[in-house]
């Protein structure tokens, strides 16, 4: 058995934390509840969007990796989802989105 928490549990905790703090969090695409990858769409008050995902950083530890394409953020995550039906896509619209994501998704 793996010590890694199921993806569905991590996503649920992230949604609750962001929504309870007065921010907005929503599932844009639901992936595999046990081991799906998570792509986070972080939106700010000015309408800018960026994508980050949990992965292995340069130091070998779990980190949030920047995945924002040069253009067409929505098209990019939809194409990723078409290739990987286990992928979760979560939108976070709160000033502290990256902090919430790191505190929730980077548990070892």
PDB file of N, CA and C in Angstrom:
ATOM      1  N   UNK A   1       0.843  -1.186   0.000  1.00  0.00           N
ATOM      2  CA  UNK A   1       0.000   0.000   0.000  1.00  0.00           C
ATOM      3  C   UNK A   1       0.882   1.241   0.000  1.00  0.00           C
ATOM      4  N   UNK A   2       0.493   2.250  -0.771  1.00  0.00           N
ATOM      5  CA  UNK A   2       1.240   3.493  -0.877  1.00  0.00           C
ATOM      6  C   UNK A   2       0.839   4.454   0.238  1.00  0.00           C
ATOM      7  N   UNK A   3       1.801   5.279   0.666  1.00  0.00           N
ATOM      8  CA  UNK A   3       1.523   6.270   1.696  1.00  0.00           C
ATOM      9  C   UNK A   3       0.906   7.531   1.095  1.00  0.00           C
ATOM     10  N   UNK A   4       0.853   7.597  -0.226  1.00  0.00           N
ATOM     11  CA  UNK A   4       0.306   8.779  -0.903  1.00  0.00           C
ATOM     12  C   UNK A   4      -1.211   8.815  -0.749  1.00  0.00           C
ATOM     13  N   UNK A   5      -1.722   9.983  -0.410  1.00  0.00           N
ATOM     14  CA  UNK A   5      -3.170  10.144  -0.249  1.00  0.00           C
ATOM     15  C   UNK A   5      -3.855  10.080  -1.609  1.00  0.00           C
ATOM     16  N   UNK A   6      -5.083   9.546  -1.654  1.00  0.00           N
ATOM     17  CA  UNK A   6      -5.821   9.501  -2.925  1.00  0.00           C
ATOM     18  C   UNK A   6      -6.060  10.914  -3.468  1.00  0.00           C
ATOM     19  N   UNK A   7      -5.988  11.041  -4.774  1.00  0.00           N
ATOM     20  CA  UNK A   7      -6.155  12.343  -5.418  1.00  0.00           C
ATOM     21  C   UNK A   7      -7.511  12.964  -5.086  1.00  0.00           C
ATOM     22  N   UNK A   8      -8.571  12.171  -5.080  1.00  0.00           N
ATOM     23  CA  UNK A   8      -9.897  12.697  -4.770  1.00  0.00           C
ATOM     24  C   UNK A   8      -9.962  13.336  -3.399  1.00  0.00           C
ATOM     25  N   UNK A   9      -9.257  12.763  -2.430  1.00  0.00           N
ATOM     26  CA  UNK A   9      -9.206  13.315  -1.074  1.00  0.00           C
ATOM     27  C   UNK A   9      -8.466  14.650  -1.063  1.00  0.00           C
ATOM     28  N   UNK A  10      -7.331  14.721  -1.754  1.00  0.00           N
ATOM     29  CA  UNK A  10      -6.565  15.972  -1.826  1.00  0.00           C
ATOM     30  C   UNK A  10      -7.357  17.078  -2.518  1.00  0.00           C
ATOM     31  N   UNK A  11      -8.025  16.728  -3.610  1.00  0.00           N
ATOM     32  CA  UNK A  11      -8.823  17.720  -4.342  1.00  0.00           C
ATOM     33  C   UNK A  11      -9.963  18.221  -3.462  1.00  0.00           C
ATOM     34  N   UNK A  12     -10.658  17.319  -2.779  1.00  0.00           N
ATOM     35  CA  UNK A  12     -11.744  17.724  -1.895  1.00  0.00           C
ATOM     36  C   UNK A  12     -11.274  18.666  -0.797  1.00  0.00           C
ATOM     37  N   UNK A  13     -10.121  18.364  -0.208  1.00  0.00           N
ATOM     38  CA  UNK A  13      -9.574  19.226   0.847  1.00  0.00           C
ATOM     39  C   UNK A  13      -9.221  20.604   0.289  1.00  0.00           C
ATOM     40  N   UNK A  14      -8.630  20.635  -0.898  1.00  0.00           N
ATOM     41  CA  UNK A  14      -8.270  21.909  -1.516  1.00  0.00           C
ATOM     42  C   UNK A  14      -9.515  22.750  -1.807  1.00  0.00           C
ATOM     43  N   UNK A  15     -10.539  22.135  -2.371  1.00  0.00           N
ATOM     44  CA  UNK A  15     -11.787  22.859  -2.667  1.00  0.00           C
ATOM     45  C   UNK A  15     -12.397  23.442  -1.392  1.00  0.00           C
ATOM     46  N   UNK A  16     -12.461  22.633  -0.353  1.00  0.00           N
ATOM     47  CA  UNK A  16     -13.047  23.118   0.911  1.00  0.00           C
ATOM     48  C   UNK A  16     -12.242  24.266   1.498  1.00  0.00           C
ATOM     49  N   UNK A  17     -10.918  24.137   1.503  1.00  0.00           N
ATOM     50  CA  UNK A  17     -10.081  25.186   2.091  1.00  0.00           C
ATOM     51  C   UNK A  17     -10.246  26.511   1.352  1.00  0.00           C
ATOM     52  N   UNK A  18     -10.210  26.470   0.025  1.00  0.00           N
ATOM     53  CA  UNK A  18     -10.325  27.707  -0.758  1.00  0.00           C
ATOM     54  C   UNK A  18     -11.720  28.305  -0.606  1.00  0.00           C
ATOM     55  N   UNK A  19     -12.765  27.496  -0.747  1.00  0.00           N
ATOM     56  CA  UNK A  19     -14.128  28.014  -0.636  1.00  0.00           C
ATOM     57  C   UNK A  19     -14.419  28.519   0.772  1.00  0.00           C
ATOM     58  N   UNK A  20     -13.926  27.840   1.802  1.00  0.00           N
ATOM     59  CA  UNK A  20     -14.137  28.287   3.187  1.00  0.00           C
ATOM     60  C   UNK A  20     -13.433  29.604   3.483  1.00  0.00           C
ATOM     61  N   UNK A  21     -12.372  29.918   2.735  1.00  0.00           N
ATOM     62  CA  UNK A  21     -11.646  31.168   2.959  1.00  0.00           C
ATOM     63  C   UNK A  21     -12.259  32.341   2.191  1.00  0.00           C
ATOM     64  N   UNK A  22     -13.344  32.085   1.453  1.00  0.00           N
ATOM     65  CA  UNK A  22     -13.989  33.146   0.684  1.00  0.00           C
ATOM     66  C   UNK A  22     -13.550  33.196  -0.768  1.00  0.00           C
ATOM     67  N   UNK A  23     -12.681  32.294  -1.171  1.00  0.00           N
ATOM     68  CA  UNK A  23     -12.248  32.228  -2.562  1.00  0.00           C
ATOM     69  C   UNK A  23     -13.192  31.341  -3.363  1.00  0.00           C
ATOM     70  N   UNK A  24     -12.828  31.116  -4.605  1.00  0.00           N
ATOM     71  CA  UNK A  24     -13.627  30.275  -5.490  1.00  0.00           C
ATOM     72  C   UNK A  24     -12.766  29.119  -5.969  1.00  0.00           C
ATOM     73  N   UNK A  25     -13.288  27.911  -5.844  1.00  0.00           N
ATOM     74  CA  UNK A  25     -12.601  26.724  -6.346  1.00  0.00           C
ATOM     75  C   UNK A  25     -13.638  25.813  -6.973  1.00  0.00           C
ATOM     76  N   UNK A  26     -13.293  25.260  -8.137  1.00  0.00           N
ATOM     77  CA  UNK A  26     -14.237  24.391  -8.841  1.00  0.00           C
ATOM     78  C   UNK A  26     -13.489  23.330  -9.630  1.00  0.00           C
ATOM     79  N   UNK A  27     -14.140  22.194  -9.794  1.00  0.00           N
ATOM     80  CA  UNK A  27     -13.606  21.111 -10.610  1.00  0.00           C
ATOM     81  C   UNK A  27     -14.050  21.349 -12.050  1.00  0.00           C
ATOM     82  N   UNK A  28     -13.094  21.555 -12.949  1.00  0.00           N
ATOM     83  CA  UNK A  28     -13.402  21.724 -14.369  1.00  0.00           C
ATOM     84  C   UNK A  28     -13.431  20.380 -15.082  1.00  0.00           C
ATOM     85  N   UNK A  29     -12.645  19.421 -14.581  1.00  0.00           N
ATOM     86  CA  UNK A  29     -12.631  18.064 -15.127  1.00  0.00           C
ATOM     87  C   UNK A  29     -12.231  17.116 -14.008  1.00  0.00           C
ATOM     88  N   UNK A  30     -13.032  16.071 -13.830  1.00  0.00           N
ATOM     89  CA  UNK A  30     -12.780  15.104 -12.769  1.00  0.00           C
ATOM     90  C   UNK A  30     -11.984  13.933 -13.314  1.00  0.00           C
ATOM     91  N   UNK A  31     -10.893  13.599 -12.632  1.00  0.00           N
ATOM     92  CA  UNK A  31     -10.036  12.507 -13.050  1.00  0.00           C
ATOM     93  C   UNK A  31     -10.179  11.299 -12.143  1.00  0.00           C
ATOM     94  N   UNK A  32      -9.189  10.438 -12.176  1.00  0.00           N
ATOM     95  CA  UNK A  32      -9.182   9.226 -11.361  1.00  0.00           C
ATOM     96  C   UNK A  32      -9.087   9.592  -9.880  1.00  0.00           C
ATOM     97  N   UNK A  33      -9.998   9.045  -9.085  1.00  0.00           N
ATOM     98  CA  UNK A  33     -10.073   9.394  -7.664  1.00  0.00           C
ATOM     99  C   UNK A  33      -8.894   8.876  -6.861  1.00  0.00           C
ATOM    100  N   UNK A  34      -8.229   7.829  -7.329  1.00  0.00           N
ATOM    101  CA  UNK A  34      -7.128   7.246  -6.565  1.00  0.00           C
ATOM    102  C   UNK A  34      -5.765   7.821  -6.927  1.00  0.00           C
ATOM    103  N   UNK A  35      -5.480   7.937  -8.209  1.00  0.00           N
ATOM    104  CA  UNK A  35      -4.112   8.277  -8.604  1.00  0.00           C
ATOM    105  C   UNK A  35      -4.026   9.251  -9.771  1.00  0.00           C
ATOM    106  N   UNK A  36      -5.078  10.002 -10.052  1.00  0.00           N
ATOM    107  CA  UNK A  36      -5.032  10.943 -11.160  1.00  0.00           C
ATOM    108  C   UNK A  36      -4.097  12.106 -10.884  1.00  0.00           C
ATOM    109  N   UNK A  37      -3.534  12.669 -11.938  1.00  0.00           N
ATOM    110  CA  UNK A  37      -2.724  13.882 -11.827  1.00  0.00           C
ATOM    111  C   UNK A  37      -3.651  15.071 -11.654  1.00  0.00           C
ATOM    112  N   UNK A  38      -3.105  16.189 -11.152  1.00  0.00           N
ATOM    113  CA  UNK A  38      -3.909  17.386 -10.933  1.00  0.00           C
ATOM    114  C   UNK A  38      -3.247  18.571 -11.623  1.00  0.00           C
ATOM    115  N   UNK A  39      -4.011  19.244 -12.473  1.00  0.00           N
ATOM    116  CA  UNK A  39      -3.584  20.473 -13.138  1.00  0.00           C
ATOM    117  C   UNK A  39      -4.426  21.591 -12.540  1.00  0.00           C
ATOM    118  N   UNK A  40      -3.755  22.610 -12.001  1.00  0.00           N
ATOM    119  CA  UNK A  40      -4.455  23.709 -11.340  1.00  0.00           C
ATOM    120  C   UNK A  40      -4.450  24.948 -12.211  1.00  0.00           C
ATOM    121  N   UNK A  41      -5.627  25.498 -12.449  1.00  0.00           N
ATOM    122  CA  UNK A  41      -5.787  26.754 -13.172  1.00  0.00           C
ATOM    123  C   UNK A  41      -5.905  27.847 -12.120  1.00  0.00           C
ATOM    124  N   UNK A  42      -4.874  28.672 -11.997  1.00  0.00           N
ATOM    125  CA  UNK A  42      -4.861  29.740 -11.006  1.00  0.00           C
ATOM    126  C   UNK A  42      -5.234  31.045 -11.697  1.00  0.00           C
ATOM    127  N   UNK A  43      -6.300  31.662 -11.240  1.00  0.00           N
ATOM    128  CA  UNK A  43      -6.771  32.924 -11.828  1.00  0.00           C
ATOM    129  C   UNK A  43      -6.613  34.034 -10.794  1.00  0.00           C
ATOM    130  N   UNK A  44      -6.207  35.220 -11.247  1.00  0.00           N
ATOM    131  CA  UNK A  44      -6.105  36.338 -10.320  1.00  0.00           C
ATOM    132  C   UNK A  44      -7.199  37.361 -10.618  1.00  0.00           C
ATOM    133  N   UNK A  45      -7.245  38.399  -9.830  1.00  0.00           N
ATOM    134  CA  UNK A  45      -8.308  39.414  -9.952  1.00  0.00           C
ATOM    135  C   UNK A  45      -8.249  40.175 -11.274  1.00  0.00           C
ATOM    136  N   UNK A  46      -7.112  40.196 -11.922  1.00  0.00           N
ATOM    137  CA  UNK A  46      -6.965  40.905 -13.194  1.00  0.00           C
ATOM    138  C   UNK A  46      -7.306  40.024 -14.386  1.00  0.00           C
ATOM    139  N   UNK A  47      -7.747  38.805 -14.141  1.00  0.00           N
ATOM    140  CA  UNK A  47      -8.131  37.912 -15.214  1.00  0.00           C
ATOM    141  C   UNK A  47      -7.003  37.104 -15.814  1.00  0.00           C
ATOM    142  N   UNK A  48      -5.799  37.236 -15.263  1.00  0.00           N
ATOM    143  CA  UNK A  48      -4.674  36.439 -15.761  1.00  0.00           C
ATOM    144  C   UNK A  48      -4.803  35.016 -15.236  1.00  0.00           C
ATOM    145  N   UNK A  49      -4.442  34.073 -16.083  1.00  0.00           N
ATOM    146  CA  UNK A  49      -4.517  32.664 -15.712  1.00  0.00           C
ATOM    147  C   UNK A  49      -3.164  32.005 -15.904  1.00  0.00           C
ATOM    148  N   UNK A  50      -2.839  31.091 -14.983  1.00  0.00           N
ATOM    149  CA  UNK A  50      -1.636  30.273 -15.113  1.00  0.00           C
ATOM    150  C   UNK A  50      -1.973  28.859 -14.699  1.00  0.00           C
ATOM    151  N   UNK A  51      -1.183  27.943 -15.186  1.00  0.00           N
ATOM    152  CA  UNK A  51      -1.369  26.535 -14.854  1.00  0.00           C
ATOM    153  C   UNK A  51      -0.156  26.026 -14.092  1.00  0.00           C
ATOM    154  N   UNK A  52      -0.421  25.291 -13.022  1.00  0.00           N
ATOM    155  CA  UNK A  52       0.637  24.611 -12.286  1.00  0.00           C
ATOM    156  C   UNK A  52       0.162  23.187 -12.016  1.00  0.00           C
ATOM    157  N   UNK A  53       1.112  22.296 -11.799  1.00  0.00           N
ATOM    158  CA  UNK A  53       0.756  20.924 -11.475  1.00  0.00           C
ATOM    159  C   UNK A  53       1.774  20.341 -10.510  1.00  0.00           C
ATOM    160  N   UNK A  54       1.330  19.347  -9.787  1.00  0.00           N
ATOM    161  CA  UNK A  54       2.210  18.675  -8.849  1.00  0.00           C
ATOM    162  C   UNK A  54       3.144  17.763  -9.633  1.00  0.00           C
ATOM    163  N   UNK A  55       4.420  17.899  -9.352  1.00  0.00           N
ATOM    164  CA  UNK A  55       5.416  17.079 -10.029  1.00  0.00           C
ATOM    165  C   UNK A  55       6.682  17.033  -9.198  1.00  0.00           C
ATOM    166  N   UNK A  56       7.731  16.524  -9.781  1.00  0.00           N
ATOM    167  CA  UNK A  56       9.020  16.431  -9.105  1.00  0.00           C
ATOM    168  C   UNK A  56       9.859  17.642  -9.497  1.00  0.00           C
ATOM    169  N   UNK A  57      10.290  18.406  -8.506  1.00  0.00           N
ATOM    170  CA  UNK A  57      11.103  19.582  -8.746  1.00  0.00           C
ATOM    171  C   UNK A  57      12.560  19.237  -8.981  1.00  0.00           C
ATOM    172  N   UNK A  58      13.386  20.249  -9.252  1.00  0.00           N
ATOM    173  CA  UNK A  58      14.798  20.014  -9.550  1.00  0.00           C
ATOM    174  C   UNK A  58      15.568  19.374  -8.392  1.00  0.00           C
ATOM    175  N   UNK A  59      15.070  19.535  -7.176  1.00  0.00           N
ATOM    176  CA  UNK A  59      15.744  18.951  -6.016  1.00  0.00           C
ATOM    177  C   UNK A  59      15.265  17.533  -5.709  1.00  0.00           C
ATOM    178  N   UNK A  60      14.370  17.001  -6.564  1.00  0.00           N
ATOM    179  CA  UNK A  60      13.865  15.642  -6.378  1.00  0.00           C
ATOM    180  C   UNK A  60      12.677  15.532  -5.444  1.00  0.00           C
ATOM    181  N   UNK A  61      12.214  16.650  -4.926  1.00  0.00           N
ATOM    182  CA  UNK A  61      11.064  16.653  -4.020  1.00  0.00           C
ATOM    183  C   UNK A  61       9.803  17.054  -4.775  1.00  0.00           C
ATOM    184  N   UNK A  62       8.660  16.719  -4.205  1.00  0.00           N
ATOM    185  CA  UNK A  62       7.378  17.089  -4.806  1.00  0.00           C
ATOM    186  C   UNK A  62       7.253  18.611  -4.774  1.00  0.00           C
ATOM    187  N   UNK A  63       6.841  19.201  -5.913  1.00  0.00           N
ATOM    188  CA  UNK A  63       6.744  20.659  -6.034  1.00  0.00           C
ATOM    189  C   UNK A  63       5.618  21.014  -6.992  1.00  0.00           C
ATOM    190  N   UNK A  64       5.229  22.289  -6.986  1.00  0.00           N
ATOM    191  CA  UNK A  64       4.303  22.802  -7.989  1.00  0.00           C
ATOM    192  C   UNK A  64       5.132  23.260  -9.179  1.00  0.00           C
ATOM    193  N   UNK A  65       4.856  22.681 -10.333  1.00  0.00           N
ATOM    194  CA  UNK A  65       5.614  22.953 -11.553  1.00  0.00           C
ATOM    195  C   UNK A  65       4.784  23.857 -12.460  1.00  0.00           C
ATOM    196  N   UNK A  66       5.386  24.940 -12.918  1.00  0.00           N
ATOM    197  CA  UNK A  66       4.727  25.859 -13.855  1.00  0.00           C
ATOM    198  C   UNK A  66       4.477  25.134 -15.169  1.00  0.00           C
ATOM    199  N   UNK A  67       3.223  25.196 -15.663  1.00  0.00           N
ATOM    200  CA  UNK A  67       2.847  24.515 -16.905  1.00  0.00           C
ATOM    201  C   UNK A  67       2.106  25.435 -17.859  1.00  0.00           C
ATOM    202  N   UNK A  68       2.165  26.736 -17.627  1.00  0.00           N
ATOM    203  CA  UNK A  68       1.405  27.683 -18.427  1.00  0.00           C
ATOM    204  C   UNK A  68       1.968  27.781 -19.841  1.00  0.00           C
ATOM    205  N   UNK A  69       1.124  27.564 -20.855  1.00  0.00           N
ATOM    206  CA  UNK A  69       1.587  27.734 -22.238  1.00  0.00           C
ATOM    207  C   UNK A  69       1.657  29.221 -22.587  1.00  0.00           C
ATOM    208  N   UNK A  70       2.279  29.527 -23.702  1.00  0.00           N
ATOM    209  CA  UNK A  70       2.405  30.919 -24.130  1.00  0.00           C
ATOM    210  C   UNK A  70       1.042  31.538 -24.425  1.00  0.00           C
ATOM    211  N   UNK A  71       0.101  30.736 -24.894  1.00  0.00           N
ATOM    212  CA  UNK A  71      -1.241  31.243 -25.185  1.00  0.00           C
ATOM    213  C   UNK A  71      -2.242  30.099 -25.076  1.00  0.00           C
ATOM    214  N   UNK A  72      -3.512  30.418 -25.122  1.00  0.00           N
ATOM    215  CA  UNK A  72      -4.599  29.444 -25.134  1.00  0.00           C
ATOM    216  C   UNK A  72      -4.574  28.478 -23.951  1.00  0.00           C
ATOM    217  N   UNK A  73      -4.698  29.031 -22.754  1.00  0.00           N
ATOM    218  CA  UNK A  73      -4.684  28.220 -21.535  1.00  0.00           C
ATOM    219  C   UNK A  73      -5.808  27.188 -21.546  1.00  0.00           C
ATOM    220  N   UNK A  74      -7.020  27.612 -21.899  1.00  0.00           N
ATOM    221  CA  UNK A  74      -8.160  26.689 -21.902  1.00  0.00           C
ATOM    222  C   UNK A  74      -7.964  25.569 -22.926  1.00  0.00           C
ATOM    223  N   UNK A  75      -7.469  25.904 -24.089  1.00  0.00           N
ATOM    224  CA  UNK A  75      -7.218  24.889 -25.110  1.00  0.00           C
ATOM    225  C   UNK A  75      -6.154  23.899 -24.672  1.00  0.00           C
ATOM    226  N   UNK A  76      -5.137  24.407 -23.976  1.00  0.00           N
ATOM    227  CA  UNK A  76      -4.060  23.539 -23.508  1.00  0.00           C
ATOM    228  C   UNK A  76      -4.574  22.499 -22.529  1.00  0.00           C
ATOM    229  N   UNK A  77      -5.341  22.932 -21.504  1.00  0.00           N
ATOM    230  CA  UNK A  77      -5.786  21.936 -20.525  1.00  0.00           C
ATOM    231  C   UNK A  77      -6.798  20.970 -21.129  1.00  0.00           C
ATOM    232  N   UNK A  78      -7.582  21.444 -22.093  1.00  0.00           N
ATOM    233  CA  UNK A  78      -8.529  20.529 -22.760  1.00  0.00           C
ATOM    234  C   UNK A  78      -7.792  19.466 -23.588  1.00  0.00           C
ATOM    235  N   UNK A  79      -6.724  19.875 -24.276  1.00  0.00           N
ATOM    236  CA  UNK A  79      -5.928  18.903 -25.026  1.00  0.00           C
ATOM    237  C   UNK A  79      -5.251  17.909 -24.085  1.00  0.00           C
ATOM    238  N   UNK A  80      -4.745  18.402 -22.966  1.00  0.00           N
ATOM    239  CA  UNK A  80      -4.136  17.497 -21.971  1.00  0.00           C
ATOM    240  C   UNK A  80      -5.167  16.503 -21.454  1.00  0.00           C
ATOM    241  N   UNK A  81      -6.350  16.981 -21.209  1.00  0.00           N
ATOM    242  CA  UNK A  81      -7.426  16.134 -20.690  1.00  0.00           C
ATOM    243  C   UNK A  81      -7.848  15.091 -21.729  1.00  0.00           C
ATOM    244  N   UNK A  82      -7.871  15.476 -23.003  1.00  0.00           N
ATOM    245  CA  UNK A  82      -8.200  14.522 -24.063  1.00  0.00           C
ATOM    246  C   UNK A  82      -7.209  13.359 -24.096  1.00  0.00           C
ATOM    247  N   UNK A  83      -5.926  13.652 -23.838  1.00  0.00           N
ATOM    248  CA  UNK A  83      -4.894  12.622 -23.851  1.00  0.00           C
ATOM    249  C   UNK A  83      -4.819  11.842 -22.542  1.00  0.00           C
ATOM    250  N   UNK A  84      -5.295  12.443 -21.447  1.00  0.00           N
ATOM    251  CA  UNK A  84      -5.198  11.805 -20.132  1.00  0.00           C
ATOM    252  C   UNK A  84      -6.531  11.920 -19.403  1.00  0.00           C
ATOM    253  N   UNK A  85      -7.434  10.958 -19.565  1.00  0.00           N
ATOM    254  CA  UNK A  85      -8.749  11.046 -18.921  1.00  0.00           C
ATOM    255  C   UNK A  85      -8.693  10.935 -17.393  1.00  0.00           C
ATOM    256  N   UNK A  86      -7.539  10.554 -16.838  1.00  0.00           N
ATOM    257  CA  UNK A  86      -7.386  10.493 -15.381  1.00  0.00           C
ATOM    258  C   UNK A  86      -7.013  11.844 -14.781  1.00  0.00           C
ATOM    259  N   UNK A  87      -6.744  12.845 -15.619  1.00  0.00           N
ATOM    260  CA  UNK A  87      -6.306  14.173 -15.177  1.00  0.00           C
ATOM    261  C   UNK A  87      -7.445  14.965 -14.558  1.00  0.00           C
ATOM    262  N   UNK A  88      -7.206  15.517 -13.380  1.00  0.00           N
ATOM    263  CA  UNK A  88      -8.125  16.462 -12.743  1.00  0.00           C
ATOM    264  C   UNK A  88      -7.713  17.860 -13.188  1.00  0.00           C
ATOM    265  N   UNK A  89      -8.683  18.731 -13.460  1.00  0.00           N
ATOM    266  CA  UNK A  89      -8.408  20.136 -13.739  1.00  0.00           C
ATOM    267  C   UNK A  89      -9.235  20.944 -12.738  1.00  0.00           C
ATOM    268  N   UNK A  90      -8.539  21.703 -11.914  1.00  0.00           N
ATOM    269  CA  UNK A  90      -9.168  22.452 -10.824  1.00  0.00           C
ATOM    270  C   UNK A  90      -8.891  23.941 -11.017  1.00  0.00           C
ATOM    271  N   UNK A  91      -9.935  24.751 -10.958  1.00  0.00           N
ATOM    272  CA  UNK A  91      -9.776  26.208 -11.039  1.00  0.00           C
ATOM    273  C   UNK A  91      -9.777  26.782  -9.631  1.00  0.00           C
ATOM    274  N   UNK A  92      -8.792  27.630  -9.343  1.00  0.00           N
ATOM    275  CA  UNK A  92      -8.719  28.339  -8.069  1.00  0.00           C
ATOM    276  C   UNK A  92      -8.678  29.831  -8.359  1.00  0.00           C
ATOM    277  N   UNK A  93      -9.601  30.559  -7.772  1.00  0.00           N
ATOM    278  CA  UNK A  93      -9.642  32.000  -7.938  1.00  0.00           C
ATOM    279  C   UNK A  93      -9.678  32.618  -6.550  1.00  0.00           C
ATOM    280  N   UNK A  94      -8.501  32.860  -6.036  1.00  0.00           N
ATOM    281  CA  UNK A  94      -8.328  33.439  -4.711  1.00  0.00           C
ATOM    282  C   UNK A  94      -6.942  34.065  -4.667  1.00  0.00           C
ATOM    283  N   UNK A  95      -6.754  35.138  -3.907  1.00  0.00           N
ATOM    284  CA  UNK A  95      -5.430  35.779  -3.882  1.00  0.00           C
ATOM    285  C   UNK A  95      -4.296  34.850  -3.456  1.00  0.00           C
ATOM    286  N   UNK A  96      -4.574  33.871  -2.628  1.00  0.00           N
ATOM    287  CA  UNK A  96      -3.544  32.967  -2.122  1.00  0.00           C
ATOM    288  C   UNK A  96      -3.612  31.583  -2.762  1.00  0.00           C
ATOM    289  N   UNK A  97      -3.983  31.504  -4.018  1.00  0.00           N
ATOM    290  CA  UNK A  97      -4.211  30.214  -4.674  1.00  0.00           C
ATOM    291  C   UNK A  97      -2.993  29.305  -4.617  1.00  0.00           C
ATOM    292  N   UNK A  98      -1.832  29.830  -4.922  1.00  0.00           N
ATOM    293  CA  UNK A  98      -0.638  28.981  -4.944  1.00  0.00           C
ATOM    294  C   UNK A  98      -0.282  28.496  -3.532  1.00  0.00           C
ATOM    295  N   UNK A  99      -0.488  29.334  -2.540  1.00  0.00           N
ATOM    296  CA  UNK A  99      -0.232  28.915  -1.158  1.00  0.00           C
ATOM    297  C   UNK A  99      -1.177  27.797  -0.753  1.00  0.00           C
ATOM    298  N   UNK A 100      -2.477  27.952  -1.039  1.00  0.00           N
ATOM    299  CA  UNK A 100      -3.444  26.893  -0.727  1.00  0.00           C
ATOM    300  C   UNK A 100      -3.054  25.587  -1.430  1.00  0.00           C
ATOM    301  N   UNK A 101      -2.676  25.693  -2.694  1.00  0.00           N
ATOM    302  CA  UNK A 101      -2.305  24.508  -3.453  1.00  0.00           C
ATOM    303  C   UNK A 101      -1.081  23.830  -2.846  1.00  0.00           C
ATOM    304  N   UNK A 102      -0.075  24.610  -2.517  1.00  0.00           N
ATOM    305  CA  UNK A 102       1.141  24.036  -1.949  1.00  0.00           C
ATOM    306  C   UNK A 102       0.875  23.388  -0.601  1.00  0.00           C
ATOM    307  N   UNK A 103       0.136  24.053   0.251  1.00  0.00           N
ATOM    308  CA  UNK A 103      -0.146  23.504   1.579  1.00  0.00           C
ATOM    309  C   UNK A 103      -0.975  22.230   1.524  1.00  0.00           C
ATOM    310  N   UNK A 104      -1.812  22.103   0.518  1.00  0.00           N
ATOM    311  CA  UNK A 104      -2.708  20.946   0.424  1.00  0.00           C
ATOM    312  C   UNK A 104      -2.129  19.835  -0.450  1.00  0.00           C
ATOM    313  N   UNK A 105      -1.546  20.181  -1.576  1.00  0.00           N
ATOM    314  CA  UNK A 105      -1.145  19.185  -2.562  1.00  0.00           C
ATOM    315  C   UNK A 105       0.271  18.646  -2.377  1.00  0.00           C
ATOM    316  N   UNK A 106       1.100  19.333  -1.624  1.00  0.00           N
ATOM    317  CA  UNK A 106       2.498  18.924  -1.514  1.00  0.00           C
ATOM    318  C   UNK A 106       2.789  18.149  -0.239  1.00  0.00           C
ATOM    319  N   UNK A 107       1.802  17.468   0.286  1.00  0.00           N
ATOM    320  CA  UNK A 107       2.024  16.643   1.473  1.00  0.00           C
ATOM    321  C   UNK A 107       2.787  15.392   1.064  1.00  0.00           C
ATOM    322  N   UNK A 108       3.726  14.998   1.869  1.00  0.00           N
ATOM    323  CA  UNK A 108       4.505  13.778   1.598  1.00  0.00           C
ATOM    324  C   UNK A 108       4.023  12.640   2.453  1.00  0.00           C
TER     325      UNK A 108
END
